[in-house]
Amino acid sequence: MQENEVFDGILMEDSWLTLEQVASACAVEPQWLLRHIGAELFPHAECVAGVWRFSSAELARARRMRQVERDFDAVPELAALVADMLDELDRLRERLTCLEHGR
């Protein structure tokens, strides 16, 4: 796999990804994730028996944060805030769609 290749797909909600898998999917070094974990920007990432595990939601968050940092030269804290706001917008849009369709 080339350095700039990124896999795209659907993750099962109950599956977990390792630090290395998330780093690869985001095209960053594992150290990037560790710095962000240390800054408490991934509050739902878990360390079990010395191994970091991430949900699909955390993967999406990491991708968004990396994109904001790269595209806007943003500091990690700002990228995390933008990721939070985008997540909230997604939830609100989903809720609105459900309300519009009477679910």
Protein backbone atom coordinates (compact mmCIF):
# COMPACT_ATOMS: atom_id res chain seq x y z
CA MET A 1 0.00 0.00 0.00
CA GLN A 2 1.31 3.42 -0.90
CA GLU A 3 1.65 6.04 1.80
CA ASN A 4 -1.16 8.22 0.45
CA GLU A 5 -3.65 5.37 -0.12
CA VAL A 6 -6.66 5.40 2.21
CA PHE A 7 -9.19 2.63 2.51
CA ASP A 8 -12.83 3.58 2.61
CA GLY A 9 -15.62 1.35 3.83
CA ILE A 10 -18.26 0.71 6.42
CA LEU A 11 -17.36 -0.28 9.97
CA MET A 12 -19.54 -2.28 12.25
CA GLU A 13 -20.49 -0.38 15.41
CA ASP A 14 -19.21 -3.14 17.70
CA SER A 15 -15.82 -3.49 16.02
CA TRP A 16 -12.68 -1.85 17.37
CA LEU A 17 -9.68 -0.46 15.56
CA THR A 18 -6.13 -0.27 16.84
CA LEU A 19 -4.02 2.86 17.03
CA GLU A 20 -2.07 1.73 13.97
CA GLN A 21 -5.23 1.04 11.96
CA VAL A 22 -6.71 4.45 12.74
CA ALA A 23 -3.40 6.18 12.00
CA SER A 24 -3.18 4.38 8.65
CA ALA A 25 -6.79 5.21 7.75
CA CYS A 26 -6.12 8.89 8.52
CA ALA A 27 -2.73 8.94 6.76
CA VAL A 28 -0.97 10.09 9.95
CA GLU A 29 1.75 8.65 12.15
CA PRO A 30 0.67 6.85 15.33
CA GLN A 31 2.44 9.64 17.27
CA TRP A 32 -0.13 12.11 15.91
CA LEU A 33 -2.90 10.10 17.57
CA LEU A 34 -0.92 9.65 20.79
CA ARG A 35 -0.37 13.43 21.05
CA HIS A 36 -4.09 14.04 20.57
CA ILE A 37 -4.99 11.35 23.09
CA GLY A 38 -2.57 12.95 25.55
CA ALA A 39 -4.33 16.28 25.00
CA GLU A 40 -7.64 14.52 25.78
CA LEU A 41 -9.05 15.18 22.31
CA PHE A 42 -10.28 11.59 21.93
CA PRO A 43 -12.37 11.17 25.09
CA HIS A 44 -13.90 7.84 24.02
CA ALA A 45 -10.72 6.06 22.97
CA GLU A 46 -9.91 3.25 25.38
CA CYS A 47 -6.67 1.65 26.44
CA VAL A 48 -7.22 -2.02 27.28
CA ALA A 49 -4.24 -4.08 28.44
CA GLY A 50 -1.89 -1.46 27.02
CA VAL A 51 -3.56 -1.43 23.58
CA TRP A 52 -5.48 1.59 22.37
CA ARG A 53 -8.83 0.84 20.73
CA PHE A 54 -11.03 3.15 18.74
CA SER A 55 -14.64 2.91 17.59
CA SER A 56 -15.83 3.81 14.12
CA ALA A 57 -17.04 7.12 15.55
CA GLU A 58 -13.52 7.86 16.82
CA LEU A 59 -12.13 7.03 13.38
CA ALA A 60 -14.53 9.52 11.79
CA ARG A 61 -13.51 12.10 14.42
CA ALA A 62 -9.82 11.52 13.71
CA ARG A 63 -10.36 11.93 9.97
CA ARG A 64 -12.28 15.16 10.47
CA MET A 65 -9.71 16.55 12.86
CA ARG A 66 -6.83 15.71 10.53
CA GLN A 67 -8.62 17.31 7.59
CA VAL A 68 -9.31 20.53 9.52
CA GLU A 69 -5.71 20.68 10.78
CA ARG A 70 -4.36 20.12 7.27
CA ASP A 71 -6.78 22.29 5.27
CA PHE A 72 -6.89 25.25 7.65
CA ASP A 73 -3.57 24.88 9.46
CA ALA A 74 -5.64 24.64 12.66
CA VAL A 75 -4.32 23.77 16.09
CA PRO A 76 -5.55 20.40 17.42
CA GLU A 77 -7.95 21.93 19.94
CA LEU A 78 -9.71 23.94 17.23
CA ALA A 79 -9.88 20.87 14.98
CA ALA A 80 -11.48 18.91 17.85
CA LEU A 81 -14.06 21.67 18.37
CA VAL A 82 -14.91 21.69 14.67
CA ALA A 83 -15.23 17.89 14.71
CA ASP A 84 -17.61 18.16 17.68
CA MET A 85 -19.72 20.74 15.86
CA LEU A 86 -19.83 18.67 12.66
CA ASP A 87 -20.87 15.60 14.66
CA GLU A 88 -23.66 17.59 16.26
CA LEU A 89 -24.80 18.87 12.85
CA ASP A 90 -24.92 15.28 11.58
CA ARG A 91 -27.05 14.23 14.57
CA LEU A 92 -29.40 17.17 14.10
CA ARG A 93 -29.77 16.48 10.38
CA GLU A 94 -30.53 12.83 11.10
CA ARG A 95 -33.12 13.83 13.69
CA LEU A 96 -34.71 16.32 11.30
CA THR A 97 -34.89 13.67 8.58
CA CYS A 98 -36.61 11.30 11.01
CA LEU A 99 -39.10 13.99 12.02
CA GLU A 100 -39.83 14.87 8.41
CA HIS A 101 -40.56 11.24 7.62
CA GLY A 102 -42.68 10.69 10.73
CA ARG A 103 -40.38 8.16 12.38
